[in-house]
Amino acid sequence: MYKVIVLACLVGNPQMCWEYHDRRGPYETYERCQQRAYEMANDIGMIHNGTMMPKQFKCVQLKGTQL
């Protein structure tokens, strides 16, 4: 199982960044986690009207019942 985290930063100040944690998952496969990361990245860009852009994501493999 995998959990998605997306890092997004302000376009005007790339040192100001936030982590976005997915609330839908966890996901069975890395591929599905990666798909969700791209969905979240698109949503972040739209919600912030292009002032905040995703820089990277990671799919964290969970151990046991960890979220």
PDB file of N, CA and C in Angstrom:
ATOM      1  N   MET A   1       0.839  -1.173   0.000  1.00  0.00           N
ATOM      2  CA  MET A   1       0.000   0.000   0.000  1.00  0.00           C
ATOM      3  C   MET A   1       0.892   1.247   0.000  1.00  0.00           C
ATOM      4  N   TYR A   2       0.413   2.271  -0.728  1.00  0.00           N
ATOM      5  CA  TYR A   2       1.180   3.497  -0.887  1.00  0.00           C
ATOM      6  C   TYR A   2       0.345   4.724  -0.557  1.00  0.00           C
ATOM      7  N   LYS A   3       1.011   5.722   0.008  1.00  0.00           N
ATOM      8  CA  LYS A   3       0.399   7.006   0.334  1.00  0.00           C
ATOM      9  C   LYS A   3       1.069   8.084  -0.525  1.00  0.00           C
ATOM     10  N   VAL A   4       0.280   9.051  -1.043  1.00  0.00           N
ATOM     11  CA  VAL A   4       0.801  10.103  -1.925  1.00  0.00           C
ATOM     12  C   VAL A   4       1.103  11.375  -1.135  1.00  0.00           C
ATOM     13  N   ILE A   5       2.259  11.978  -1.439  1.00  0.00           N
ATOM     14  CA  ILE A   5       2.612  13.300  -0.935  1.00  0.00           C
ATOM     15  C   ILE A   5       3.113  14.106  -2.130  1.00  0.00           C
ATOM     16  N   VAL A   6       2.546  15.308  -2.319  1.00  0.00           N
ATOM     17  CA  VAL A   6       2.952  16.188  -3.416  1.00  0.00           C
ATOM     18  C   VAL A   6       3.554  17.455  -2.806  1.00  0.00           C
ATOM     19  N   LEU A   7       4.695  17.875  -3.322  1.00  0.00           N
ATOM     20  CA  LEU A   7       5.341  19.115  -2.907  1.00  0.00           C
ATOM     21  C   LEU A   7       5.046  20.168  -3.965  1.00  0.00           C
ATOM     22  N   ALA A   8       4.468  21.298  -3.535  1.00  0.00           N
ATOM     23  CA  ALA A   8       4.159  22.396  -4.454  1.00  0.00           C
ATOM     24  C   ALA A   8       4.716  23.696  -3.886  1.00  0.00           C
ATOM     25  N   CYS A   9       5.210  24.553  -4.784  1.00  0.00           N
ATOM     26  CA  CYS A   9       5.845  25.807  -4.379  1.00  0.00           C
ATOM     27  C   CYS A   9       5.228  26.985  -5.108  1.00  0.00           C
ATOM     28  N   LEU A  10       5.343  28.162  -4.488  1.00  0.00           N
ATOM     29  CA  LEU A  10       4.867  29.385  -5.127  1.00  0.00           C
ATOM     30  C   LEU A  10       5.719  29.684  -6.353  1.00  0.00           C
ATOM     31  N   VAL A  11       5.079  30.102  -7.432  1.00  0.00           N
ATOM     32  CA  VAL A  11       5.799  30.435  -8.657  1.00  0.00           C
ATOM     33  C   VAL A  11       6.690  31.652  -8.426  1.00  0.00           C
ATOM     34  N   GLY A  12       6.173  32.661  -7.739  1.00  0.00           N
ATOM     35  CA  GLY A  12       6.923  33.891  -7.489  1.00  0.00           C
ATOM     36  C   GLY A  12       8.001  33.768  -6.432  1.00  0.00           C
ATOM     37  N   ASN A  13       7.935  32.719  -5.617  1.00  0.00           N
ATOM     38  CA  ASN A  13       8.922  32.508  -4.559  1.00  0.00           C
ATOM     39  C   ASN A  13       9.108  31.001  -4.371  1.00  0.00           C
ATOM     40  N   PRO A  14       9.948  30.382  -5.187  1.00  0.00           N
ATOM     41  CA  PRO A  14      10.084  28.927  -5.166  1.00  0.00           C
ATOM     42  C   PRO A  14      10.641  28.336  -3.868  1.00  0.00           C
ATOM     43  N   GLN A  15      11.032  29.193  -2.929  1.00  0.00           N
ATOM     44  CA  GLN A  15      11.495  28.698  -1.639  1.00  0.00           C
ATOM     45  C   GLN A  15      10.327  28.457  -0.672  1.00  0.00           C
ATOM     46  N   MET A  16       9.147  28.973  -1.014  1.00  0.00           N
ATOM     47  CA  MET A  16       7.941  28.794  -0.196  1.00  0.00           C
ATOM     48  C   MET A  16       7.170  27.600  -0.732  1.00  0.00           C
ATOM     49  N   CYS A  17       7.257  26.489  -0.024  1.00  0.00           N
ATOM     50  CA  CYS A  17       6.649  25.240  -0.493  1.00  0.00           C
ATOM     51  C   CYS A  17       5.773  24.615   0.586  1.00  0.00           C
ATOM     52  N   TRP A  18       4.812  23.817   0.130  1.00  0.00           N
ATOM     53  CA  TRP A  18       3.913  23.092   1.025  1.00  0.00           C
ATOM     54  C   TRP A  18       3.793  21.654   0.560  1.00  0.00           C
ATOM     55  N   GLU A  19       3.583  20.778   1.532  1.00  0.00           N
ATOM     56  CA  GLU A  19       3.296  19.373   1.232  1.00  0.00           C
ATOM     57  C   GLU A  19       1.790  19.179   1.230  1.00  0.00           C
ATOM     58  N   TYR A  20       1.317  18.460   0.244  1.00  0.00           N
ATOM     59  CA  TYR A  20      -0.098  18.089   0.168  1.00  0.00           C
ATOM     60  C   TYR A  20      -0.188  16.581   0.341  1.00  0.00           C
ATOM     61  N   HIS A  21      -0.949  16.142   1.340  1.00  0.00           N
ATOM     62  CA  HIS A  21      -1.124  14.725   1.614  1.00  0.00           C
ATOM     63  C   HIS A  21      -2.490  14.286   1.116  1.00  0.00           C
ATOM     64  N   ASP A  22      -2.515  13.194   0.397  1.00  0.00           N
ATOM     65  CA  ASP A  22      -3.744  12.664  -0.174  1.00  0.00           C
ATOM     66  C   ASP A  22      -4.667  12.135   0.916  1.00  0.00           C
ATOM     67  N   ARG A  23      -5.955  12.371   0.740  1.00  0.00           N
ATOM     68  CA  ARG A  23      -6.941  11.883   1.698  1.00  0.00           C
ATOM     69  C   ARG A  23      -7.770  10.727   1.156  1.00  0.00           C
ATOM     70  N   ARG A  24      -7.555  10.357  -0.094  1.00  0.00           N
ATOM     71  CA  ARG A  24      -8.331   9.269  -0.698  1.00  0.00           C
ATOM     72  C   ARG A  24      -7.701   7.898  -0.476  1.00  0.00           C
ATOM     73  N   GLY A  25      -6.385   7.843  -0.470  1.00  0.00           N
ATOM     74  CA  GLY A  25      -5.664   6.569  -0.449  1.00  0.00           C
ATOM     75  C   GLY A  25      -5.765   5.861   0.875  1.00  0.00           C
ATOM     76  N   PRO A  26      -4.988   4.879   1.092  1.00  0.00           N
ATOM     77  CA  PRO A  26      -3.813   4.446   0.351  1.00  0.00           C
ATOM     78  C   PRO A  26      -4.166   3.625  -0.903  1.00  0.00           C
ATOM     79  N   TYR A  27      -3.150   3.397  -1.736  1.00  0.00           N
ATOM     80  CA  TYR A  27      -3.329   2.718  -3.018  1.00  0.00           C
ATOM     81  C   TYR A  27      -2.565   1.406  -3.032  1.00  0.00           C
ATOM     82  N   GLU A  28      -3.145   0.439  -3.703  1.00  0.00           N
ATOM     83  CA  GLU A  28      -2.583  -0.914  -3.744  1.00  0.00           C
ATOM     84  C   GLU A  28      -1.247  -0.984  -4.489  1.00  0.00           C
ATOM     85  N   THR A  29      -1.116  -0.223  -5.585  1.00  0.00           N
ATOM     86  CA  THR A  29       0.086  -0.304  -6.411  1.00  0.00           C
ATOM     87  C   THR A  29       0.776   1.058  -6.527  1.00  0.00           C
ATOM     88  N   TYR A  30       2.068   1.002  -6.853  1.00  0.00           N
ATOM     89  CA  TYR A  30       2.823   2.230  -7.063  1.00  0.00           C
ATOM     90  C   TYR A  30       2.261   2.994  -8.261  1.00  0.00           C
ATOM     91  N   GLU A  31       1.868   2.265  -9.295  1.00  0.00           N
ATOM     92  CA  GLU A  31       1.339   2.907 -10.504  1.00  0.00           C
ATOM     93  C   GLU A  31       0.078   3.701 -10.211  1.00  0.00           C
ATOM     94  N   ARG A  32      -0.821   3.159  -9.399  1.00  0.00           N
ATOM     95  CA  ARG A  32      -2.057   3.873  -9.038  1.00  0.00           C
ATOM     96  C   ARG A  32      -1.728   5.079  -8.162  1.00  0.00           C
ATOM     97  N   CYS A  33      -0.765   4.937  -7.290  1.00  0.00           N
ATOM     98  CA  CYS A  33      -0.311   6.050  -6.449  1.00  0.00           C
ATOM     99  C   CYS A  33       0.243   7.168  -7.330  1.00  0.00           C
ATOM    100  N   GLN A  34       1.022   6.809  -8.317  1.00  0.00           N
ATOM    101  CA  GLN A  34       1.595   7.780  -9.235  1.00  0.00           C
ATOM    102  C   GLN A  34       0.492   8.500 -10.018  1.00  0.00           C
ATOM    103  N   GLN A  35      -0.516   7.775 -10.472  1.00  0.00           N
ATOM    104  CA  GLN A  35      -1.658   8.385 -11.163  1.00  0.00           C
ATOM    105  C   GLN A  35      -2.325   9.422 -10.279  1.00  0.00           C
ATOM    106  N   ARG A  36      -2.540   9.064  -9.032  1.00  0.00           N
ATOM    107  CA  ARG A  36      -3.190   9.981  -8.089  1.00  0.00           C
ATOM    108  C   ARG A  36      -2.317  11.218  -7.855  1.00  0.00           C
ATOM    109  N   ALA A  37      -1.007  11.053  -7.821  1.00  0.00           N
ATOM    110  CA  ALA A  37      -0.108  12.196  -7.647  1.00  0.00           C
ATOM    111  C   ALA A  37      -0.278  13.185  -8.798  1.00  0.00           C
ATOM    112  N   TYR A  38      -0.402  12.688 -10.026  1.00  0.00           N
ATOM    113  CA  TYR A  38      -0.597  13.576 -11.172  1.00  0.00           C
ATOM    114  C   TYR A  38      -1.964  14.258 -11.119  1.00  0.00           C
ATOM    115  N   GLU A  39      -2.976  13.547 -10.656  1.00  0.00           N
ATOM    116  CA  GLU A  39      -4.301  14.161 -10.473  1.00  0.00           C
ATOM    117  C   GLU A  39      -4.214  15.300  -9.465  1.00  0.00           C
ATOM    118  N   MET A  40      -3.551  15.031  -8.343  1.00  0.00           N
ATOM    119  CA  MET A  40      -3.401  16.052  -7.311  1.00  0.00           C
ATOM    120  C   MET A  40      -2.616  17.249  -7.833  1.00  0.00           C
ATOM    121  N   ALA A  41      -1.562  17.002  -8.606  1.00  0.00           N
ATOM    122  CA  ALA A  41      -0.756  18.084  -9.159  1.00  0.00           C
ATOM    123  C   ALA A  41      -1.604  18.990 -10.046  1.00  0.00           C
ATOM    124  N   ASN A  42      -2.436  18.404 -10.890  1.00  0.00           N
ATOM    125  CA  ASN A  42      -3.319  19.202 -11.744  1.00  0.00           C
ATOM    126  C   ASN A  42      -4.292  20.024 -10.903  1.00  0.00           C
ATOM    127  N   ASP A  43      -4.857  19.395  -9.888  1.00  0.00           N
ATOM    128  CA  ASP A  43      -5.805  20.097  -9.019  1.00  0.00           C
ATOM    129  C   ASP A  43      -5.147  21.248  -8.268  1.00  0.00           C
ATOM    130  N   ILE A  44      -3.949  21.043  -7.777  1.00  0.00           N
ATOM    131  CA  ILE A  44      -3.233  22.091  -7.041  1.00  0.00           C
ATOM    132  C   ILE A  44      -3.013  23.296  -7.942  1.00  0.00           C
ATOM    133  N   GLY A  45      -2.571  23.064  -9.165  1.00  0.00           N
ATOM    134  CA  GLY A  45      -2.357  24.155 -10.109  1.00  0.00           C
ATOM    135  C   GLY A  45      -3.636  24.918 -10.404  1.00  0.00           C
ATOM    136  N   MET A  46      -4.748  24.197 -10.564  1.00  0.00           N
ATOM    137  CA  MET A  46      -6.030  24.843 -10.864  1.00  0.00           C
ATOM    138  C   MET A  46      -6.570  25.609  -9.659  1.00  0.00           C
ATOM    139  N   ILE A  47      -6.507  25.023  -8.484  1.00  0.00           N
ATOM    140  CA  ILE A  47      -7.034  25.658  -7.277  1.00  0.00           C
ATOM    141  C   ILE A  47      -6.314  26.971  -6.986  1.00  0.00           C
ATOM    142  N   HIS A  48      -5.024  26.995  -7.211  1.00  0.00           N
ATOM    143  CA  HIS A  48      -4.219  28.183  -6.908  1.00  0.00           C
ATOM    144  C   HIS A  48      -4.031  29.094  -8.128  1.00  0.00           C
ATOM    145  N   ASN A  49      -4.817  28.871  -9.178  1.00  0.00           N
ATOM    146  CA  ASN A  49      -4.788  29.715 -10.384  1.00  0.00           C
ATOM    147  C   ASN A  49      -3.381  29.917 -10.946  1.00  0.00           C
ATOM    148  N   GLY A  50      -2.569  28.886 -10.892  1.00  0.00           N
ATOM    149  CA  GLY A  50      -1.229  28.960 -11.466  1.00  0.00           C
ATOM    150  C   GLY A  50      -0.194  29.666 -10.611  1.00  0.00           C
ATOM    151  N   THR A  51      -0.567  30.126  -9.411  1.00  0.00           N
ATOM    152  CA  THR A  51       0.415  30.792  -8.549  1.00  0.00           C
ATOM    153  C   THR A  51       1.251  29.782  -7.760  1.00  0.00           C
ATOM    154  N   MET A  52       0.766  28.559  -7.672  1.00  0.00           N
ATOM    155  CA  MET A  52       1.496  27.501  -6.989  1.00  0.00           C
ATOM    156  C   MET A  52       1.588  26.314  -7.935  1.00  0.00           C
ATOM    157  N   MET A  53       2.793  25.799  -8.089  1.00  0.00           N
ATOM    158  CA  MET A  53       2.988  24.696  -9.012  1.00  0.00           C
ATOM    159  C   MET A  53       3.661  23.520  -8.320  1.00  0.00           C
ATOM    160  N   PRO A  54       3.200  22.311  -8.603  1.00  0.00           N
ATOM    161  CA  PRO A  54       3.824  21.117  -8.044  1.00  0.00           C
ATOM    162  C   PRO A  54       5.254  20.957  -8.556  1.00  0.00           C
ATOM    163  N   LYS A  55       6.144  20.566  -7.666  1.00  0.00           N
ATOM    164  CA  LYS A  55       7.540  20.348  -8.040  1.00  0.00           C
ATOM    165  C   LYS A  55       7.869  18.869  -8.097  1.00  0.00           C
ATOM    166  N   GLN A  56       7.363  18.109  -7.130  1.00  0.00           N
ATOM    167  CA  GLN A  56       7.667  16.678  -7.093  1.00  0.00           C
ATOM    168  C   GLN A  56       6.634  15.955  -6.244  1.00  0.00           C
ATOM    169  N   PHE A  57       6.668  14.648  -6.350  1.00  0.00           N
ATOM    170  CA  PHE A  57       5.779  13.825  -5.537  1.00  0.00           C
ATOM    171  C   PHE A  57       6.552  12.608  -5.058  1.00  0.00           C
ATOM    172  N   LYS A  58       5.987  11.961  -4.056  1.00  0.00           N
ATOM    173  CA  LYS A  58       6.517  10.657  -3.667  1.00  0.00           C
ATOM    174  C   LYS A  58       5.376   9.772  -3.228  1.00  0.00           C
ATOM    175  N   CYS A  59       5.554   8.511  -3.493  1.00  0.00           N
ATOM    176  CA  CYS A  59       4.611   7.496  -3.048  1.00  0.00           C
ATOM    177  C   CYS A  59       5.311   6.718  -1.952  1.00  0.00           C
ATOM    178  N   VAL A  60       4.855   6.918  -0.737  1.00  0.00           N
ATOM    179  CA  VAL A  60       5.473   6.311   0.433  1.00  0.00           C
ATOM    180  C   VAL A  60       4.839   4.954   0.685  1.00  0.00           C
ATOM    181  N   GLN A  61       5.672   3.926   0.720  1.00  0.00           N
ATOM    182  CA  GLN A  61       5.166   2.587   0.985  1.00  0.00           C
ATOM    183  C   GLN A  61       4.862   2.468   2.470  1.00  0.00           C
ATOM    184  N   LEU A  62       3.629   2.048   2.773  1.00  0.00           N
ATOM    185  CA  LEU A  62       3.186   1.937   4.159  1.00  0.00           C
ATOM    186  C   LEU A  62       3.516   0.561   4.714  1.00  0.00           C
ATOM    187  N   LYS A  63       3.730   0.526   6.006  1.00  0.00           N
ATOM    188  CA  LYS A  63       4.042  -0.733   6.686  1.00  0.00           C
ATOM    189  C   LYS A  63       2.900  -1.062   7.626  1.00  0.00           C
ATOM    190  N   GLY A  64       2.322  -2.232   7.484  1.00  0.00           N
ATOM    191  CA  GLY A  64       1.235  -2.671   8.363  1.00  0.00           C
ATOM    192  C   GLY A  64       0.016  -1.793   8.235  1.00  0.00           C
ATOM    193  N   THR A  65      -0.458  -1.237   9.350  1.00  0.00           N
ATOM    194  CA  THR A  65      -1.657  -0.398   9.354  1.00  0.00           C
ATOM    195  C   THR A  65      -1.316   1.082   9.385  1.00  0.00           C
ATOM    196  N   GLN A  66      -0.061   1.422   9.145  1.00  0.00           N
ATOM    197  CA  GLN A  66       0.402   2.815   9.153  1.00  0.00           C
ATOM    198  C   GLN A  66      -0.273   3.617   8.056  1.00  0.00           C
ATOM    199  N   LEU A  67      -0.672   4.862   8.355  1.00  0.00           N
ATOM    200  CA  LEU A  67      -1.168   5.806   7.356  1.00  0.00           C
ATOM    201  C   LEU A  67      -0.307   6.997   7.434  1.00  0.00           C
TER     202      LEU A  67
END
